[in-house]
Amino acid sequence: MGTAAIGRLFYTQEFLLVSKLGSKEDYEDMKLDWDYEMVIAARVAVDQQTIGFIALYFDHNFEVDTAMKQFVLSEAGLIAESIRKERLLK
């Protein structure tokens, strides 16, 4: 993991917005099997340890406001809490 989008999600940024119009390195780092216009991603961490991230891909660009950012961060938090509780039950 380096300094491109995925590396930053794991090590330095809890939230990331990548657009086809932005950094080519970030765009390619987040690319799956198809083109996209924009991706919103948030880190998933359990007990201060990053275990992955959630990414929402869109076929068009739009303005990401504070409410959308908080929604995605909340979803990542819910996923992390579910994993944490599952680990406790094992």
N, C-alpha and C. Protein backbone atom coordinates (compact mmCIF):
# COMPACT_ATOMS: atom_id res chain seq x y z
N MET A 1 0.84 -1.18 0.00
CA MET A 1 0.00 0.00 0.00
C MET A 1 0.89 1.24 0.00
N GLY A 2 0.59 2.11 -0.90
CA GLY A 2 1.42 3.30 -1.04
C GLY A 2 0.68 4.58 -0.75
N THR A 3 0.96 5.56 -1.57
CA THR A 3 0.40 6.89 -1.36
C THR A 3 -0.81 7.15 -2.24
N ALA A 4 -1.19 6.21 -3.07
CA ALA A 4 -2.39 6.37 -3.89
C ALA A 4 -3.62 6.22 -3.00
N ALA A 5 -4.79 6.24 -3.60
CA ALA A 5 -6.06 6.31 -2.87
C ALA A 5 -6.20 5.23 -1.80
N ILE A 6 -5.97 3.98 -2.14
CA ILE A 6 -6.18 2.90 -1.17
C ILE A 6 -5.20 3.00 -0.01
N GLY A 7 -3.96 3.31 -0.30
CA GLY A 7 -2.98 3.50 0.77
C GLY A 7 -3.36 4.62 1.71
N ARG A 8 -3.86 5.72 1.17
CA ARG A 8 -4.28 6.84 2.02
C ARG A 8 -5.49 6.45 2.87
N LEU A 9 -6.42 5.68 2.29
CA LEU A 9 -7.57 5.22 3.08
C LEU A 9 -7.12 4.35 4.25
N PHE A 10 -6.15 3.51 4.02
CA PHE A 10 -5.67 2.63 5.09
C PHE A 10 -4.86 3.36 6.14
N TYR A 11 -4.10 4.38 5.74
CA TYR A 11 -3.12 4.95 6.67
C TYR A 11 -3.33 6.41 7.08
N THR A 12 -3.93 7.24 6.23
CA THR A 12 -3.96 8.67 6.58
C THR A 12 -5.31 9.35 6.49
N GLN A 13 -6.21 8.86 5.65
CA GLN A 13 -7.51 9.52 5.47
C GLN A 13 -8.64 8.57 5.78
N GLU A 14 -9.63 9.04 6.54
CA GLU A 14 -10.77 8.18 6.82
C GLU A 14 -11.84 8.29 5.75
N PHE A 15 -11.78 9.33 4.92
CA PHE A 15 -12.79 9.59 3.89
C PHE A 15 -12.07 10.05 2.63
N LEU A 16 -12.54 9.59 1.47
CA LEU A 16 -11.88 9.93 0.23
C LEU A 16 -12.92 10.06 -0.89
N LEU A 17 -12.74 11.07 -1.71
CA LEU A 17 -13.57 11.28 -2.88
C LEU A 17 -12.66 11.27 -4.10
N VAL A 18 -12.92 10.37 -5.05
CA VAL A 18 -12.10 10.26 -6.25
C VAL A 18 -13.01 10.46 -7.45
N SER A 19 -12.54 11.28 -8.38
CA SER A 19 -13.31 11.58 -9.59
C SER A 19 -12.46 11.28 -10.82
N LYS A 20 -13.12 10.92 -11.88
CA LYS A 20 -12.44 10.69 -13.15
C LYS A 20 -11.70 11.94 -13.62
N LEU A 21 -12.19 13.10 -13.19
CA LEU A 21 -11.59 14.38 -13.56
C LEU A 21 -10.39 14.73 -12.69
N GLY A 22 -10.17 13.99 -11.61
CA GLY A 22 -9.10 14.28 -10.67
C GLY A 22 -7.83 13.51 -10.97
N SER A 23 -7.15 13.11 -9.92
CA SER A 23 -5.88 12.40 -10.02
C SER A 23 -6.04 11.08 -10.77
N LYS A 24 -5.26 10.91 -11.84
CA LYS A 24 -5.31 9.68 -12.63
C LYS A 24 -4.84 8.48 -11.81
N GLU A 25 -3.83 8.70 -10.96
CA GLU A 25 -3.32 7.62 -10.11
C GLU A 25 -4.40 7.14 -9.14
N ASP A 26 -5.11 8.07 -8.50
CA ASP A 26 -6.19 7.69 -7.60
C ASP A 26 -7.31 6.99 -8.34
N TYR A 27 -7.66 7.51 -9.53
CA TYR A 27 -8.73 6.90 -10.32
C TYR A 27 -8.39 5.44 -10.65
N GLU A 28 -7.18 5.19 -11.11
CA GLU A 28 -6.77 3.83 -11.46
C GLU A 28 -6.68 2.94 -10.23
N ASP A 29 -6.26 3.50 -9.10
CA ASP A 29 -6.13 2.73 -7.87
C ASP A 29 -7.49 2.22 -7.39
N MET A 30 -8.54 3.01 -7.59
CA MET A 30 -9.88 2.64 -7.14
C MET A 30 -10.69 1.91 -8.20
N LYS A 31 -10.15 1.78 -9.40
CA LYS A 31 -10.90 1.19 -10.51
C LYS A 31 -11.08 -0.32 -10.33
N LEU A 32 -12.28 -0.78 -10.66
CA LEU A 32 -12.58 -2.21 -10.65
C LEU A 32 -12.54 -2.68 -12.10
N ASP A 33 -13.58 -3.32 -12.58
CA ASP A 33 -13.61 -3.82 -13.96
C ASP A 33 -14.30 -2.87 -14.92
N TRP A 34 -14.78 -1.75 -14.45
CA TRP A 34 -15.52 -0.83 -15.30
C TRP A 34 -15.13 0.61 -14.97
N ASP A 35 -15.42 1.49 -15.93
CA ASP A 35 -15.18 2.92 -15.71
C ASP A 35 -16.25 3.49 -14.79
N TYR A 36 -15.90 4.52 -14.11
CA TYR A 36 -16.83 5.21 -13.23
C TYR A 36 -16.52 6.70 -13.31
N GLU A 37 -17.41 7.52 -12.84
CA GLU A 37 -17.18 8.96 -12.81
C GLU A 37 -16.68 9.42 -11.44
N MET A 38 -17.19 8.78 -10.39
CA MET A 38 -16.85 9.22 -9.04
C MET A 38 -17.01 8.06 -8.07
N VAL A 39 -16.16 8.03 -7.06
CA VAL A 39 -16.28 7.05 -5.99
C VAL A 39 -16.10 7.78 -4.66
N ILE A 40 -16.92 7.41 -3.70
CA ILE A 40 -16.82 7.92 -2.33
C ILE A 40 -16.40 6.72 -1.48
N ALA A 41 -15.35 6.88 -0.70
CA ALA A 41 -14.85 5.76 0.09
C ALA A 41 -14.59 6.19 1.53
N ALA A 42 -14.77 5.25 2.44
CA ALA A 42 -14.52 5.51 3.86
C ALA A 42 -13.85 4.30 4.48
N ARG A 43 -12.92 4.56 5.37
CA ARG A 43 -12.17 3.52 6.06
C ARG A 43 -13.08 2.76 7.03
N VAL A 44 -12.87 1.45 7.12
CA VAL A 44 -13.51 0.62 8.13
C VAL A 44 -12.41 0.16 9.08
N ALA A 45 -12.52 0.57 10.34
CA ALA A 45 -11.50 0.23 11.34
C ALA A 45 -12.17 -0.35 12.57
N VAL A 46 -11.58 -1.42 13.09
CA VAL A 46 -12.06 -2.07 14.30
C VAL A 46 -10.95 -2.00 15.33
N ASP A 47 -11.27 -1.41 16.48
CA ASP A 47 -10.29 -1.25 17.56
C ASP A 47 -9.02 -0.57 17.06
N GLN A 48 -9.18 0.53 16.37
CA GLN A 48 -8.09 1.34 15.81
C GLN A 48 -7.24 0.60 14.78
N GLN A 49 -7.71 -0.51 14.25
CA GLN A 49 -6.99 -1.24 13.21
C GLN A 49 -7.83 -1.23 11.93
N THR A 50 -7.26 -0.68 10.87
CA THR A 50 -7.97 -0.65 9.59
C THR A 50 -8.06 -2.06 9.04
N ILE A 51 -9.29 -2.45 8.68
CA ILE A 51 -9.49 -3.79 8.12
C ILE A 51 -9.98 -3.73 6.67
N GLY A 52 -10.30 -2.53 6.20
CA GLY A 52 -10.79 -2.38 4.83
C GLY A 52 -11.45 -1.04 4.64
N PHE A 53 -12.28 -0.97 3.62
CA PHE A 53 -13.00 0.27 3.36
C PHE A 53 -14.29 -0.04 2.61
N ILE A 54 -15.21 0.90 2.68
CA ILE A 54 -16.45 0.82 1.92
C ILE A 54 -16.33 1.83 0.78
N ALA A 55 -16.75 1.44 -0.41
CA ALA A 55 -16.67 2.34 -1.56
C ALA A 55 -17.99 2.33 -2.31
N LEU A 56 -18.46 3.52 -2.63
CA LEU A 56 -19.71 3.69 -3.39
C LEU A 56 -19.35 4.31 -4.73
N TYR A 57 -19.64 3.61 -5.81
CA TYR A 57 -19.29 4.06 -7.16
C TYR A 57 -20.51 4.68 -7.84
N PHE A 58 -20.25 5.75 -8.60
CA PHE A 58 -21.33 6.47 -9.29
C PHE A 58 -20.96 6.68 -10.75
N ASP A 59 -21.98 6.70 -11.60
CA ASP A 59 -21.75 6.92 -13.03
C ASP A 59 -21.88 8.39 -13.42
N HIS A 60 -22.00 9.27 -12.44
CA HIS A 60 -22.03 10.71 -12.68
C HIS A 60 -21.44 11.44 -11.48
N ASN A 61 -20.93 12.62 -11.71
CA ASN A 61 -20.38 13.44 -10.62
C ASN A 61 -21.49 14.26 -9.98
N PHE A 62 -21.37 14.50 -8.72
CA PHE A 62 -22.28 15.40 -8.01
C PHE A 62 -21.54 15.95 -6.80
N GLU A 63 -22.08 17.00 -6.24
CA GLU A 63 -21.44 17.61 -5.08
C GLU A 63 -21.70 16.76 -3.83
N VAL A 64 -20.64 16.44 -3.13
CA VAL A 64 -20.76 15.67 -1.90
C VAL A 64 -20.76 16.66 -0.74
N ASP A 65 -21.91 16.78 -0.10
CA ASP A 65 -22.03 17.73 1.01
C ASP A 65 -21.71 17.04 2.33
N THR A 66 -21.77 17.80 3.39
CA THR A 66 -21.45 17.29 4.73
C THR A 66 -22.36 16.13 5.12
N ALA A 67 -23.64 16.22 4.77
CA ALA A 67 -24.59 15.15 5.12
C ALA A 67 -24.21 13.84 4.44
N MET A 68 -23.82 13.89 3.17
CA MET A 68 -23.41 12.68 2.46
C MET A 68 -22.14 12.11 3.06
N LYS A 69 -21.19 12.97 3.37
CA LYS A 69 -19.95 12.52 3.98
C LYS A 69 -20.23 11.83 5.32
N GLN A 70 -21.06 12.43 6.14
CA GLN A 70 -21.41 11.83 7.43
C GLN A 70 -22.16 10.52 7.27
N PHE A 71 -23.01 10.42 6.25
CA PHE A 71 -23.73 9.18 5.98
C PHE A 71 -22.75 8.04 5.67
N VAL A 72 -21.80 8.30 4.77
CA VAL A 72 -20.84 7.26 4.38
C VAL A 72 -19.95 6.88 5.57
N LEU A 73 -19.51 7.86 6.34
CA LEU A 73 -18.71 7.57 7.53
C LEU A 73 -19.51 6.78 8.55
N SER A 74 -20.79 7.07 8.68
CA SER A 74 -21.66 6.32 9.60
C SER A 74 -21.81 4.87 9.14
N GLU A 75 -21.98 4.67 7.84
CA GLU A 75 -22.08 3.31 7.31
C GLU A 75 -20.81 2.52 7.60
N ALA A 76 -19.66 3.14 7.39
CA ALA A 76 -18.39 2.48 7.69
C ALA A 76 -18.30 2.15 9.19
N GLY A 77 -18.77 3.06 10.02
CA GLY A 77 -18.78 2.83 11.46
C GLY A 77 -19.70 1.68 11.86
N LEU A 78 -20.86 1.57 11.22
CA LEU A 78 -21.79 0.47 11.50
C LEU A 78 -21.19 -0.87 11.09
N ILE A 79 -20.53 -0.90 9.95
CA ILE A 79 -19.87 -2.13 9.51
C ILE A 79 -18.79 -2.53 10.52
N ALA A 80 -17.98 -1.56 10.93
CA ALA A 80 -16.91 -1.84 11.90
C ALA A 80 -17.49 -2.36 13.22
N GLU A 81 -18.55 -1.74 13.68
CA GLU A 81 -19.16 -2.17 14.95
C GLU A 81 -19.74 -3.58 14.83
N SER A 82 -20.33 -3.91 13.70
CA SER A 82 -20.86 -5.26 13.49
C SER A 82 -19.74 -6.30 13.53
N ILE A 83 -18.62 -5.97 12.89
CA ILE A 83 -17.48 -6.90 12.89
C ILE A 83 -16.90 -7.03 14.29
N ARG A 84 -16.81 -5.92 15.00
CA ARG A 84 -16.28 -5.95 16.38
C ARG A 84 -17.15 -6.85 17.26
N LYS A 85 -18.47 -6.70 17.16
CA LYS A 85 -19.39 -7.51 17.98
C LYS A 85 -19.32 -8.97 17.58
N GLU A 86 -19.20 -9.25 16.31
CA GLU A 86 -19.07 -10.64 15.87
C GLU A 86 -17.81 -11.28 16.45
N ARG A 87 -16.72 -10.52 16.48
CA ARG A 87 -15.47 -11.04 17.05
C ARG A 87 -15.63 -11.33 18.53
N LEU A 88 -16.39 -10.53 19.23
CA LEU A 88 -16.62 -10.75 20.66
C LEU A 88 -17.39 -12.04 20.92
N LEU A 89 -18.27 -12.39 20.00
CA LEU A 89 -19.09 -13.59 20.18
C LEU A 89 -18.35 -14.88 19.87
N LYS A 90 -17.20 -14.77 19.25
CA LYS A 90 -16.45 -15.99 18.90
C LYS A 90 -15.65 -16.48 20.07
